[in-house]
Amino acid sequence: MNLGLEGKVVLVTGGAKGIGAAIARSFAKEGAIVSIVDRNPDVAGDLVEQIKKDSGRAFCIPTELTDEQACRNAVEKTIETGGGLDVLVHNAGTNDGIGLESSPTEFLESLRKNLFHVFALTHFALDKLVESKGNVINVGSKVAVTGQGGTSGYAASKGAMNALTREWALDLAQRGVRVNSVVPAEVMTPMYRRWLDSLDDPEATLRSIEENIPLGKRMTTDVEIADSVVFLASARSSHTSGQIFYPDGGYVHFDRAYGKIKVD
C-alpha cells in the first residue's frame, strides 16, 4: 500500500531505541525523511546508518529534550536539513518511578522529562505544520488509563498527552493539522527485556503478563506500534483526528476475566 509519505519530513523524539527506532525505520521504509531527535547520538547514529544501508533517508539531531532552546534548535535543524516538517512524533519518555513518596520537586522534574518537550516541540513546529497541513502523533502509555502504582509523574504526563491529543485536534482542525495518539501496552523492547531480566523469575512473569493479553496471548511488537503510527500520519488516514488508538491485543479494554471463565 502506498501511504503517500514519500519525501515527507518526520521528526521522531526518542527515536534511537525501542519503539522510537521501530517508528523511524517504518517511516523510512515508506520513503519519508526521518529526523531522529535523541539524547543518545551514538546509538541514533548507528540507526541512521542502518536506514541508509536500506536505501532510506535519515539524520540525527542530538537533543536534551528538557531544555527549551534545545527543543527549538531540534525543530529548526530538522526543517533546515530535511527541507520542511510534515509529521511530529512525540515518542520520548521514561517511566521513572516518581510516586507519592517522592518530593514535589521530583514530581515536577518528572513532568519536565516526560511532558515539557511535548508542548515545546509542538509550539516551535506549529507554523511549519500548519504550512504543510501536517500532523502530530503522541505515543502514550497504558499507564494513563490503567494506572500502575508508584509512578505518579509518568502517569500524569501520559494522561496529559491523551488530553492534549483531543485539545490540539480541536485547536488545530481549522488549520488543517491532525493530532492523534497511539497507546502501547505490553511491548517487548530492549528496555522491557532488561526489566524482566532484573526479576527473580523473568519467564514466569512474562507468561503471567501474556496470559492477560486476549488476542494471541502475546506481547505487541514494536513494529505493530510503529506501523500504527505511520498509518495515522499518512494520507490514508486523512479524516482521522483526536483519536486515541490502542494496538494492544485487547489488553486495556477487555475484561480481565476474559479467557478465565469457561462457558459450557
Protein backbone atom coordinates (compact mmCIF):
# COMPACT_ATOMS: atom_id res chain seq x y z
CA MET A 1 0.00 0.00 0.00
CA ASN A 2 1.32 3.44 -0.92
CA LEU A 3 0.78 5.60 2.14
CA GLY A 4 1.78 8.81 0.38
CA LEU A 5 4.72 9.53 2.69
CA GLU A 6 7.46 9.70 0.07
CA GLY A 7 9.61 12.75 0.78
CA LYS A 8 7.67 13.77 3.90
CA VAL A 9 9.85 15.04 6.75
CA VAL A 10 9.21 13.32 10.07
CA LEU A 11 10.66 14.28 13.46
CA VAL A 12 10.73 11.38 15.95
CA THR A 13 11.76 12.01 19.55
CA GLY A 14 13.48 9.20 21.41
CA GLY A 15 14.00 7.59 18.04
CA ALA A 16 17.29 5.84 18.72
CA LYS A 17 15.99 2.73 20.50
CA GLY A 18 12.94 0.57 21.14
CA ILE A 19 9.59 1.76 19.83
CA GLY A 20 11.13 5.01 18.60
CA ALA A 21 13.65 3.17 16.43
CA ALA A 22 10.88 0.98 15.01
CA ILE A 23 8.89 4.13 14.17
CA ALA A 24 11.91 5.68 12.45
CA ARG A 25 12.51 2.53 10.38
CA SER A 26 8.85 2.21 9.40
CA PHE A 27 8.66 5.82 8.17
CA ALA A 28 11.93 5.41 6.27
CA LYS A 29 10.59 2.30 4.52
CA GLU A 30 7.67 4.41 3.31
CA GLY A 31 10.10 6.89 1.76
CA ALA A 32 9.94 9.58 4.45
CA ILE A 33 12.94 11.62 5.56
CA VAL A 34 13.40 10.89 9.27
CA SER A 35 14.90 13.28 11.82
CA ILE A 36 15.85 11.28 14.93
CA VAL A 37 15.88 13.65 17.91
CA ASP A 38 17.53 11.81 20.78
CA ARG A 39 19.99 12.33 23.64
CA ASN A 40 22.00 9.26 22.54
CA PRO A 41 23.75 10.34 19.33
CA ASP A 42 25.96 7.24 19.10
CA VAL A 43 23.02 4.84 19.13
CA ALA A 44 20.98 7.13 16.89
CA GLY A 45 23.93 7.38 14.51
CA ASP A 46 24.04 3.61 14.17
CA LEU A 47 20.33 3.56 13.34
CA VAL A 48 20.80 6.29 10.73
CA GLU A 49 23.48 4.17 9.06
CA GLN A 50 21.21 1.11 9.08
CA ILE A 51 18.41 3.10 7.49
CA LYS A 52 20.74 4.45 4.82
CA LYS A 53 22.01 0.95 4.04
CA ASP A 54 18.39 0.01 3.39
CA SER A 55 18.15 2.94 0.94
CA GLY A 56 16.26 5.12 3.41
CA ARG A 57 16.85 8.72 4.40
CA ALA A 58 17.52 9.77 7.97
CA PHE A 59 19.66 12.02 10.14
CA CYS A 60 20.21 12.52 13.85
CA ILE A 61 19.94 15.69 15.95
CA PRO A 62 21.42 15.18 19.45
CA THR A 63 18.99 16.91 21.81
CA GLU A 64 18.38 17.28 25.53
CA LEU A 65 14.60 17.48 25.47
CA THR A 66 14.28 19.08 28.91
CA ASP A 67 15.90 22.25 27.53
CA GLU A 68 13.68 24.78 25.74
CA GLN A 69 16.36 26.15 23.43
CA ALA A 70 17.42 22.61 22.52
CA CYS A 71 13.82 21.85 21.51
CA ARG A 72 13.73 24.97 19.33
CA ASN A 73 17.06 24.01 17.75
CA ALA A 74 15.82 20.46 17.04
CA VAL A 75 12.83 21.79 15.11
CA GLU A 76 14.88 24.38 13.24
CA LYS A 77 17.61 21.90 12.28
CA THR A 78 15.02 19.36 11.16
CA ILE A 79 13.44 21.93 8.86
CA GLU A 80 16.82 23.09 7.59
CA THR A 81 18.24 19.61 6.97
CA GLY A 82 15.10 17.87 5.81
CA GLY A 83 13.62 20.76 3.86
CA GLY A 84 10.42 21.06 5.86
CA LEU A 85 8.36 19.35 8.55
CA ASP A 86 5.26 17.24 7.95
CA VAL A 87 4.96 14.92 10.95
CA LEU A 88 5.93 15.35 14.60
CA VAL A 89 6.06 12.13 16.64
CA HIS A 90 6.31 12.52 20.41
CA ASN A 91 7.76 9.18 21.47
CA ALA A 92 10.41 10.09 24.08
CA GLY A 93 9.60 9.36 27.72
CA THR A 94 10.68 7.31 30.70
CA ASN A 95 8.76 5.51 33.42
CA ASP A 96 10.91 6.99 36.17
CA GLY A 97 9.10 5.67 39.24
CA ILE A 98 8.32 9.07 40.75
CA GLY A 99 5.45 8.20 43.08
CA LEU A 100 3.63 9.75 46.02
CA GLU A 101 6.59 9.17 48.31
CA SER A 102 8.76 11.32 46.04
CA SER A 103 9.08 15.04 46.68
CA PRO A 104 7.04 17.67 44.82
CA THR A 105 10.29 18.84 43.24
CA GLU A 106 10.94 15.34 41.90
CA PHE A 107 7.38 15.21 40.56
CA LEU A 108 7.88 18.47 38.67
CA GLU A 109 11.16 17.15 37.27
CA SER A 110 9.34 14.03 36.05
CA LEU A 111 6.85 16.24 34.23
CA ARG A 112 9.74 18.16 32.73
CA LYS A 113 11.33 14.94 31.47
CA ASN A 114 8.13 13.44 30.10
CA LEU A 115 5.79 16.29 29.16
CA PHE A 116 7.61 19.59 28.72
CA HIS A 117 9.13 18.69 25.35
CA VAL A 118 5.77 17.55 24.01
CA PHE A 119 4.44 21.09 24.33
CA ALA A 120 7.73 22.83 23.47
CA LEU A 121 8.40 20.96 20.23
CA THR A 122 4.79 21.33 19.07
CA HIS A 123 4.92 25.05 19.85
CA PHE A 124 8.10 25.56 17.85
CA ALA A 125 6.91 23.32 14.99
CA LEU A 126 3.42 24.80 14.75
CA ASP A 127 3.90 27.27 11.91
CA LYS A 128 5.59 24.70 9.70
CA LEU A 129 2.99 22.03 10.49
CA VAL A 130 0.20 24.45 9.57
CA GLU A 131 2.03 25.29 6.36
CA SER A 132 2.41 21.62 5.42
CA LYS A 133 -1.05 20.61 6.71
CA GLY A 134 0.87 18.05 8.71
CA ASN A 135 0.11 16.11 11.83
CA VAL A 136 1.19 15.24 15.35
CA ILE A 137 1.30 11.72 16.79
CA ASN A 138 1.57 11.31 20.56
CA VAL A 139 2.90 7.96 21.76
CA GLY A 140 1.28 7.42 25.13
CA SER A 141 1.13 4.57 27.62
CA LYS A 142 -1.48 2.25 29.09
CA VAL A 143 -0.45 3.66 32.50
CA ALA A 144 -2.57 6.75 31.74
CA VAL A 145 -5.66 4.53 31.60
CA THR A 146 -4.98 1.54 33.85
CA GLY A 147 -2.63 3.03 36.42
CA GLN A 148 0.39 1.12 37.64
CA GLY A 149 1.24 2.31 41.13
CA GLY A 150 4.37 4.15 42.19
CA THR A 151 4.73 6.28 39.07
CA SER A 152 2.67 9.45 39.51
CA GLY A 153 4.89 11.63 37.34
CA TYR A 154 4.84 9.31 34.35
CA ALA A 155 1.11 8.61 34.70
CA ALA A 156 0.34 12.33 34.90
CA SER A 157 2.47 13.04 31.83
CA LYS A 158 0.92 10.30 29.71
CA GLY A 159 -2.57 11.25 30.86
CA ALA A 160 -1.81 14.81 29.81
CA MET A 161 -0.71 13.57 26.37
CA ASN A 162 -4.11 11.94 25.89
CA ALA A 163 -5.80 15.18 26.92
CA LEU A 164 -3.59 17.23 24.60
CA THR A 165 -4.42 14.90 21.73
CA ARG A 166 -8.06 15.95 21.99
CA GLU A 167 -7.28 19.60 22.83
CA TRP A 168 -4.86 20.09 19.94
CA ALA A 169 -7.02 18.17 17.46
CA LEU A 170 -9.81 20.67 18.16
CA ASP A 171 -7.47 23.64 18.35
CA LEU A 172 -5.82 22.88 15.01
CA ALA A 173 -8.69 21.39 12.99
CA GLN A 174 -9.49 24.60 11.15
CA ARG A 175 -5.80 24.97 10.31
CA GLY A 176 -5.64 21.53 8.71
CA VAL A 177 -3.37 19.83 11.25
CA ARG A 178 -4.37 16.40 12.54
CA VAL A 179 -3.46 15.13 16.02
CA ASN A 180 -3.77 11.52 17.18
CA SER A 181 -2.36 9.25 19.86
CA VAL A 182 -1.09 5.66 19.84
CA VAL A 183 -1.06 3.94 23.22
CA PRO A 184 1.22 0.92 23.67
CA ALA A 185 0.50 -1.55 26.45
CA GLU A 186 2.83 -4.56 26.75
CA VAL A 187 5.51 -4.22 24.07
CA MET A 188 8.73 -6.24 24.02
CA THR A 189 11.58 -3.74 23.73
CA PRO A 190 15.20 -3.91 24.98
CA MET A 191 14.18 -1.79 27.98
CA TYR A 192 11.30 -4.13 28.78
CA ARG A 193 13.60 -7.13 28.44
CA ARG A 194 16.08 -5.56 30.89
CA TRP A 195 13.27 -5.05 33.39
CA LEU A 196 12.19 -8.69 33.05
CA ASP A 197 15.76 -9.90 33.47
CA SER A 198 16.05 -7.97 36.74
CA LEU A 199 13.32 -10.14 38.31
CA ASP A 200 13.74 -13.43 40.16
CA ASP A 201 11.81 -15.42 37.55
CA PRO A 202 11.63 -13.43 34.29
CA GLU A 203 9.95 -16.11 32.21
CA ALA A 204 7.23 -16.80 34.77
CA THR A 205 6.49 -13.06 34.91
CA LEU A 206 6.38 -12.88 31.11
CA ARG A 207 3.95 -15.82 30.91
CA SER A 208 1.73 -14.16 33.51
CA ILE A 209 1.65 -10.92 31.53
CA GLU A 210 0.94 -12.70 28.25
CA GLU A 211 -1.97 -14.55 29.82
CA ASN A 212 -3.67 -11.16 30.30
CA ILE A 213 -3.39 -10.23 26.61
CA PRO A 214 -6.57 -11.58 24.99
CA LEU A 215 -5.55 -11.57 21.33
CA GLY A 216 -2.92 -14.25 20.78
CA LYS A 217 -1.67 -14.32 24.39
CA ARG A 218 1.46 -12.49 23.25
CA MET A 219 3.24 -9.19 23.57
CA THR A 220 2.66 -6.50 20.97
CA THR A 221 5.70 -5.95 18.74
CA ASP A 222 7.40 -2.61 18.31
CA VAL A 223 6.76 -2.90 14.56
CA GLU A 224 3.00 -3.14 15.18
CA ILE A 225 3.13 0.08 17.20
CA ALA A 226 5.29 1.75 14.55
CA ASP A 227 3.00 0.77 11.70
CA SER A 228 0.01 2.19 13.60
CA VAL A 229 1.85 5.49 13.96
CA VAL A 230 2.80 5.57 10.29
CA PHE A 231 -0.73 4.80 9.12
CA LEU A 232 -2.20 7.58 11.27
CA ALA A 233 0.34 10.01 9.85
CA SER A 234 -0.44 9.05 6.28
CA ALA A 235 -2.91 10.32 3.70
CA ARG A 236 -4.77 7.02 4.11
CA SER A 237 -5.94 8.37 7.46
CA SER A 238 -6.71 11.86 6.21
CA HIS A 239 -10.00 12.35 8.09
CA THR A 240 -8.85 10.96 11.44
CA SER A 241 -8.05 13.39 14.25
CA GLY A 242 -8.40 13.50 18.02
CA GLN A 243 -8.35 9.71 18.26
CA ILE A 244 -6.58 7.56 20.85
CA PHE A 245 -5.62 4.17 19.39
CA TYR A 246 -4.81 1.06 21.40
CA PRO A 247 -2.91 -1.52 19.28
CA ASP A 248 -2.56 -3.83 22.28
CA GLY A 249 -4.36 -7.10 21.56
CA GLY A 250 -7.28 -6.00 23.72
CA TYR A 251 -5.14 -5.66 26.85
CA VAL A 252 -6.52 -2.36 28.17
CA HIS A 253 -10.21 -2.58 27.34
CA PHE A 254 -11.14 -6.25 27.59
CA ASP A 255 -12.49 -7.56 30.89
CA ARG A 256 -9.71 -9.17 32.92
CA ALA A 257 -11.91 -12.24 33.31
CA TYR A 258 -11.62 -12.91 29.57
CA GLY A 259 -10.28 -16.40 28.98
CA LYS A 260 -10.52 -17.33 32.65
CA ILE A 261 -14.24 -18.03 32.85
CA LYS A 262 -15.29 -21.14 30.97
CA VAL A 263 -18.77 -21.16 29.48
CA ASP A 264 -20.27 -24.54 28.60
